[in-house]
Amino acid sequence: QVQLAESGGGLVQAGGSLRLSCVASGSISDSNTMAWHRQAPGKQRELVASITSGGSTNVADSVKGRFIISKDNAPNTVYLQMNNLEPEDTAVYYCLYKHSWGSPYWGQGTQVTVSS
């Protein structure tokens, strides 16, 4: 089992910044992917950004140039630096951990609200 602890959400004005953190603990493997997804009211959950244990990243076009994903290996933590936030970024942000095999683990989510 893998446990995920998210932090860093909140309320910010448009143009502001927030940094989300997610610490993974438990049965961590050397080969894994961690990611941030988000779900806005009435919309499907979507990938925001992902990073592999080797450091390869993938960032959604909608946030490219504004959001940066990074990680520390000890402890196994993934960050999402969100800059120049827009009201359209308002959503619940979920951390994901996945081994190179099997099903993913999800965090409980953290609310990000951007006011105009």
N, C-alpha and C. Protein backbone atom coordinates (compact mmCIF):
# COMPACT_ATOMS: atom_id res chain seq x y z
N GLN A 1 0.83 -1.19 0.00
CA GLN A 1 0.00 0.00 0.00
C GLN A 1 0.87 1.25 0.00
N VAL A 2 0.35 2.29 -0.61
CA VAL A 2 1.02 3.59 -0.66
C VAL A 2 0.05 4.62 -0.10
N GLN A 3 0.55 5.46 0.77
CA GLN A 3 -0.24 6.55 1.33
C GLN A 3 0.27 7.87 0.76
N LEU A 4 -0.67 8.76 0.47
CA LEU A 4 -0.34 10.06 -0.11
C LEU A 4 -0.89 11.16 0.78
N ALA A 5 -0.05 12.13 1.09
CA ALA A 5 -0.46 13.26 1.92
C ALA A 5 -0.23 14.54 1.13
N GLU A 6 -1.31 15.22 0.80
CA GLU A 6 -1.25 16.44 -0.01
C GLU A 6 -1.36 17.67 0.89
N SER A 7 -0.76 18.76 0.44
CA SER A 7 -0.89 20.03 1.15
C SER A 7 -0.64 21.16 0.17
N GLY A 8 -1.04 22.36 0.57
CA GLY A 8 -0.70 23.56 -0.19
C GLY A 8 -1.83 24.23 -0.93
N GLY A 9 -3.02 23.65 -0.92
CA GLY A 9 -4.13 24.31 -1.60
C GLY A 9 -4.59 25.55 -0.85
N GLY A 10 -5.53 26.28 -1.46
CA GLY A 10 -6.06 27.46 -0.80
C GLY A 10 -6.73 28.39 -1.77
N LEU A 11 -6.96 29.61 -1.29
CA LEU A 11 -7.61 30.65 -2.07
C LEU A 11 -6.57 31.68 -2.48
N VAL A 12 -6.56 32.03 -3.75
CA VAL A 12 -5.59 33.01 -4.25
C VAL A 12 -6.26 33.86 -5.33
N GLN A 13 -5.79 35.06 -5.49
CA GLN A 13 -6.32 35.92 -6.55
C GLN A 13 -5.70 35.56 -7.89
N ALA A 14 -6.41 35.86 -8.95
CA ALA A 14 -5.88 35.62 -10.29
C ALA A 14 -4.52 36.32 -10.45
N GLY A 15 -3.60 35.60 -11.07
CA GLY A 15 -2.25 36.11 -11.22
C GLY A 15 -1.31 35.68 -10.11
N GLY A 16 -1.86 35.11 -9.05
CA GLY A 16 -1.05 34.68 -7.92
C GLY A 16 -0.45 33.30 -8.12
N SER A 17 0.21 32.82 -7.07
CA SER A 17 0.91 31.54 -7.13
C SER A 17 0.57 30.69 -5.91
N LEU A 18 0.66 29.39 -6.10
CA LEU A 18 0.54 28.42 -5.02
C LEU A 18 1.49 27.27 -5.33
N ARG A 19 1.93 26.59 -4.28
CA ARG A 19 2.72 25.37 -4.47
C ARG A 19 2.05 24.23 -3.73
N LEU A 20 1.73 23.19 -4.45
CA LEU A 20 1.18 21.97 -3.87
C LEU A 20 2.31 20.97 -3.61
N SER A 21 2.15 20.23 -2.52
CA SER A 21 3.10 19.17 -2.17
C SER A 21 2.35 17.88 -1.93
N CYS A 22 3.00 16.77 -2.23
CA CYS A 22 2.42 15.46 -2.00
C CYS A 22 3.54 14.51 -1.58
N VAL A 23 3.42 13.98 -0.37
CA VAL A 23 4.41 13.04 0.15
C VAL A 23 3.85 11.63 0.04
N ALA A 24 4.60 10.75 -0.61
CA ALA A 24 4.22 9.35 -0.73
C ALA A 24 4.99 8.53 0.29
N SER A 25 4.30 7.63 0.97
CA SER A 25 4.94 6.75 1.96
C SER A 25 4.35 5.35 1.84
N GLY A 26 5.04 4.41 2.47
CA GLY A 26 4.59 3.02 2.41
C GLY A 26 5.46 2.22 1.46
N SER A 27 4.82 1.42 0.63
CA SER A 27 5.53 0.50 -0.27
C SER A 27 5.94 1.22 -1.56
N ILE A 28 6.93 2.10 -1.44
CA ILE A 28 7.42 2.88 -2.58
C ILE A 28 8.39 2.02 -3.37
N SER A 29 8.30 2.10 -4.70
CA SER A 29 9.24 1.37 -5.54
C SER A 29 10.20 2.35 -6.21
N ASP A 30 11.29 1.83 -6.74
CA ASP A 30 12.28 2.68 -7.40
C ASP A 30 11.78 3.16 -8.76
N SER A 31 10.85 2.43 -9.36
CA SER A 31 10.31 2.80 -10.66
C SER A 31 8.85 3.19 -10.49
N ASN A 32 8.60 4.49 -10.61
CA ASN A 32 7.23 4.94 -10.37
C ASN A 32 6.95 6.22 -11.14
N THR A 33 5.70 6.59 -11.16
CA THR A 33 5.25 7.87 -11.71
C THR A 33 4.39 8.55 -10.67
N MET A 34 4.63 9.84 -10.48
CA MET A 34 3.75 10.64 -9.64
C MET A 34 3.18 11.75 -10.50
N ALA A 35 1.98 12.15 -10.16
CA ALA A 35 1.30 13.12 -11.02
C ALA A 35 0.30 13.93 -10.21
N TRP A 36 -0.13 15.02 -10.81
CA TRP A 36 -1.24 15.82 -10.31
C TRP A 36 -2.34 15.81 -11.37
N HIS A 37 -3.54 15.52 -10.90
CA HIS A 37 -4.74 15.66 -11.70
C HIS A 37 -5.62 16.70 -11.04
N ARG A 38 -6.62 17.18 -11.76
CA ARG A 38 -7.57 18.11 -11.15
C ARG A 38 -8.97 17.84 -11.69
N GLN A 39 -9.93 18.21 -10.86
CA GLN A 39 -11.32 18.05 -11.26
C GLN A 39 -12.11 19.28 -10.83
N ALA A 40 -12.62 19.99 -11.82
CA ALA A 40 -13.46 21.16 -11.57
C ALA A 40 -14.92 20.71 -11.48
N PRO A 41 -15.77 21.49 -10.84
CA PRO A 41 -17.19 21.11 -10.71
C PRO A 41 -17.81 20.87 -12.07
N GLY A 42 -18.47 19.73 -12.21
CA GLY A 42 -19.16 19.41 -13.45
C GLY A 42 -18.27 18.94 -14.58
N LYS A 43 -16.99 18.78 -14.30
CA LYS A 43 -16.06 18.36 -15.35
C LYS A 43 -15.37 17.06 -14.97
N GLN A 44 -14.79 16.41 -15.97
CA GLN A 44 -14.05 15.19 -15.72
C GLN A 44 -12.69 15.50 -15.12
N ARG A 45 -12.16 14.54 -14.39
CA ARG A 45 -10.81 14.68 -13.86
C ARG A 45 -9.82 14.67 -15.03
N GLU A 46 -8.83 15.55 -14.97
CA GLU A 46 -7.86 15.65 -16.05
C GLU A 46 -6.45 15.69 -15.51
N LEU A 47 -5.53 15.20 -16.32
CA LEU A 47 -4.11 15.24 -15.96
C LEU A 47 -3.60 16.67 -16.06
N VAL A 48 -2.88 17.10 -15.04
CA VAL A 48 -2.22 18.41 -15.06
C VAL A 48 -0.75 18.23 -15.42
N ALA A 49 -0.07 17.36 -14.70
CA ALA A 49 1.35 17.13 -14.95
C ALA A 49 1.78 15.83 -14.28
N SER A 50 2.79 15.20 -14.85
CA SER A 50 3.32 13.96 -14.27
C SER A 50 4.84 13.99 -14.34
N ILE A 51 5.45 13.17 -13.48
CA ILE A 51 6.91 13.05 -13.46
C ILE A 51 7.27 11.62 -13.09
N THR A 52 8.22 11.06 -13.81
CA THR A 52 8.64 9.70 -13.52
C THR A 52 9.79 9.70 -12.53
N SER A 53 10.11 8.52 -12.02
CA SER A 53 11.24 8.40 -11.10
C SER A 53 12.55 8.76 -11.79
N GLY A 54 12.57 8.67 -13.12
CA GLY A 54 13.75 9.06 -13.87
C GLY A 54 13.81 10.54 -14.17
N GLY A 55 12.73 11.27 -13.84
CA GLY A 55 12.73 12.72 -14.01
C GLY A 55 12.05 13.22 -15.28
N SER A 56 11.49 12.33 -16.07
CA SER A 56 10.78 12.77 -17.26
C SER A 56 9.44 13.39 -16.87
N THR A 57 9.11 14.51 -17.50
CA THR A 57 7.87 15.22 -17.15
C THR A 57 6.94 15.34 -18.35
N ASN A 58 5.67 15.48 -18.01
CA ASN A 58 4.63 15.72 -19.00
C ASN A 58 3.69 16.74 -18.40
N VAL A 59 3.44 17.82 -19.14
CA VAL A 59 2.60 18.91 -18.62
C VAL A 59 1.49 19.20 -19.62
N ALA A 60 0.26 19.34 -19.11
CA ALA A 60 -0.88 19.61 -19.98
C ALA A 60 -0.71 20.95 -20.69
N ASP A 61 -1.19 21.01 -21.91
CA ASP A 61 -1.07 22.24 -22.69
C ASP A 61 -1.72 23.42 -21.99
N SER A 62 -2.81 23.16 -21.26
CA SER A 62 -3.56 24.24 -20.63
C SER A 62 -2.78 24.95 -19.53
N VAL A 63 -1.74 24.32 -19.01
CA VAL A 63 -0.96 24.92 -17.92
C VAL A 63 0.51 25.07 -18.28
N LYS A 64 0.88 24.66 -19.46
CA LYS A 64 2.28 24.72 -19.87
C LYS A 64 2.76 26.17 -19.84
N GLY A 65 3.93 26.37 -19.26
CA GLY A 65 4.48 27.71 -19.13
C GLY A 65 4.07 28.41 -17.85
N ARG A 66 3.08 27.83 -17.13
CA ARG A 66 2.64 28.42 -15.86
C ARG A 66 2.88 27.48 -14.69
N PHE A 67 2.74 26.18 -14.91
CA PHE A 67 2.88 25.19 -13.83
C PHE A 67 4.17 24.40 -14.05
N ILE A 68 4.83 24.08 -12.95
CA ILE A 68 6.06 23.29 -13.00
C ILE A 68 5.93 22.13 -12.02
N ILE A 69 6.22 20.92 -12.49
CA ILE A 69 6.22 19.75 -11.61
C ILE A 69 7.66 19.38 -11.31
N SER A 70 7.91 19.01 -10.05
CA SER A 70 9.25 18.60 -9.66
C SER A 70 9.12 17.59 -8.52
N LYS A 71 10.26 16.99 -8.13
CA LYS A 71 10.19 15.99 -7.06
C LYS A 71 11.47 15.92 -6.28
N ASP A 72 11.36 15.44 -5.05
CA ASP A 72 12.47 15.04 -4.21
C ASP A 72 12.33 13.55 -3.94
N ASN A 73 13.44 12.86 -3.95
CA ASN A 73 13.37 11.41 -3.72
C ASN A 73 13.41 11.03 -2.25
N ALA A 74 13.86 11.91 -1.39
CA ALA A 74 13.94 11.57 0.02
C ALA A 74 13.47 12.73 0.86
N PRO A 75 12.21 12.75 1.36
CA PRO A 75 11.23 11.69 1.12
C PRO A 75 10.64 11.77 -0.27
N ASN A 76 9.86 10.81 -0.65
CA ASN A 76 9.30 10.74 -1.99
C ASN A 76 8.18 11.77 -2.12
N THR A 77 8.55 12.95 -2.58
CA THR A 77 7.65 14.08 -2.61
C THR A 77 7.58 14.67 -4.01
N VAL A 78 6.37 15.00 -4.43
CA VAL A 78 6.18 15.68 -5.71
C VAL A 78 5.57 17.05 -5.43
N TYR A 79 6.02 18.04 -6.18
CA TYR A 79 5.55 19.41 -6.02
C TYR A 79 4.89 19.88 -7.32
N LEU A 80 3.94 20.77 -7.17
CA LEU A 80 3.37 21.46 -8.33
C LEU A 80 3.41 22.95 -8.03
N GLN A 81 4.33 23.64 -8.69
CA GLN A 81 4.41 25.08 -8.56
C GLN A 81 3.46 25.69 -9.59
N MET A 82 2.48 26.43 -9.11
CA MET A 82 1.46 27.00 -9.99
C MET A 82 1.59 28.52 -9.98
N ASN A 83 1.94 29.08 -11.13
CA ASN A 83 2.12 30.52 -11.26
C ASN A 83 1.08 31.10 -12.19
N ASN A 84 0.89 32.41 -12.08
CA ASN A 84 -0.05 33.11 -12.94
C ASN A 84 -1.40 32.37 -12.99
N LEU A 85 -1.92 32.07 -11.83
CA LEU A 85 -3.16 31.30 -11.75
C LEU A 85 -4.34 32.06 -12.34
N GLU A 86 -5.24 31.29 -12.93
CA GLU A 86 -6.43 31.84 -13.56
C GLU A 86 -7.67 31.24 -12.90
N PRO A 87 -8.80 31.96 -12.97
CA PRO A 87 -10.03 31.37 -12.38
C PRO A 87 -10.35 29.98 -12.93
N GLU A 88 -9.96 29.72 -14.17
CA GLU A 88 -10.22 28.42 -14.77
C GLU A 88 -9.39 27.30 -14.13
N ASP A 89 -8.41 27.65 -13.33
CA ASP A 89 -7.60 26.65 -12.62
C ASP A 89 -8.28 26.18 -11.34
N THR A 90 -9.39 26.79 -10.98
CA THR A 90 -10.12 26.38 -9.78
C THR A 90 -10.59 24.95 -9.91
N ALA A 91 -10.21 24.13 -8.93
CA ALA A 91 -10.52 22.70 -8.98
C ALA A 91 -10.02 22.04 -7.70
N VAL A 92 -10.40 20.80 -7.53
CA VAL A 92 -9.76 19.96 -6.52
C VAL A 92 -8.59 19.27 -7.21
N TYR A 93 -7.41 19.40 -6.62
CA TYR A 93 -6.20 18.83 -7.19
C TYR A 93 -5.86 17.54 -6.43
N TYR A 94 -5.64 16.48 -7.20
CA TYR A 94 -5.39 15.15 -6.64
C TYR A 94 -3.97 14.69 -7.00
N CYS A 95 -3.30 14.18 -6.02
CA CYS A 95 -1.99 13.55 -6.23
C CYS A 95 -2.20 12.09 -6.60
N LEU A 96 -1.36 11.61 -7.49
CA LEU A 96 -1.40 10.20 -7.91
C LEU A 96 -0.01 9.60 -7.82
N TYR A 97 0.03 8.36 -7.37
CA TYR A 97 1.28 7.58 -7.36
C TYR A 97 1.00 6.27 -8.08
N LYS A 98 1.91 5.87 -8.95
CA LYS A 98 1.74 4.60 -9.63
C LYS A 98 3.09 3.89 -9.75
N HIS A 99 3.11 2.63 -9.34
CA HIS A 99 4.26 1.78 -9.64
C HIS A 99 4.29 1.56 -11.15
N SER A 100 5.35 0.96 -11.64
CA SER A 100 5.41 0.62 -13.07
C SER A 100 4.43 -0.51 -13.40
N TRP A 101 3.82 -1.07 -12.39
CA TRP A 101 2.80 -2.10 -12.57
C TRP A 101 1.60 -1.73 -11.68
N GLY A 102 0.47 -2.37 -11.92
CA GLY A 102 -0.66 -2.26 -11.02
C GLY A 102 -1.44 -0.96 -11.13
N SER A 103 -2.41 -0.84 -10.23
CA SER A 103 -3.31 0.31 -10.23
C SER A 103 -2.71 1.50 -9.51
N PRO A 104 -3.16 2.71 -9.85
CA PRO A 104 -2.63 3.90 -9.18
C PRO A 104 -3.25 4.10 -7.80
N TYR A 105 -2.54 4.88 -6.98
CA TYR A 105 -3.04 5.32 -5.68
C TYR A 105 -3.36 6.81 -5.80
N TRP A 106 -4.45 7.22 -5.16
CA TRP A 106 -4.88 8.61 -5.21
C TRP A 106 -4.87 9.24 -3.83
N GLY A 107 -4.51 10.50 -3.78
CA GLY A 107 -4.66 11.26 -2.57
C GLY A 107 -6.10 11.71 -2.40
N GLN A 108 -6.38 12.36 -1.27
CA GLN A 108 -7.75 12.77 -0.98
C GLN A 108 -8.12 14.06 -1.69
N GLY A 109 -7.15 14.78 -2.17
CA GLY A 109 -7.43 16.01 -2.91
C GLY A 109 -7.28 17.25 -2.05
N THR A 110 -6.89 18.34 -2.70
CA THR A 110 -6.78 19.62 -2.03
C THR A 110 -7.41 20.68 -2.92
N GLN A 111 -8.20 21.55 -2.32
CA GLN A 111 -8.96 22.55 -3.08
C GLN A 111 -8.08 23.74 -3.42
N VAL A 112 -8.14 24.12 -4.69
CA VAL A 112 -7.51 25.35 -5.16
C VAL A 112 -8.61 26.24 -5.73
N THR A 113 -8.72 27.44 -5.20
CA THR A 113 -9.72 28.38 -5.67
C THR A 113 -9.03 29.66 -6.09
N VAL A 114 -9.28 30.08 -7.33
CA VAL A 114 -8.68 31.29 -7.87
C VAL A 114 -9.80 32.30 -8.11
N SER A 115 -9.72 33.43 -7.43
CA SER A 115 -10.74 34.47 -7.58
C SER A 115 -10.32 35.48 -8.65
N SER A 116 -11.31 36.01 -9.34
CA SER A 116 -11.02 36.97 -10.41
C SER A 116 -11.00 38.39 -9.88
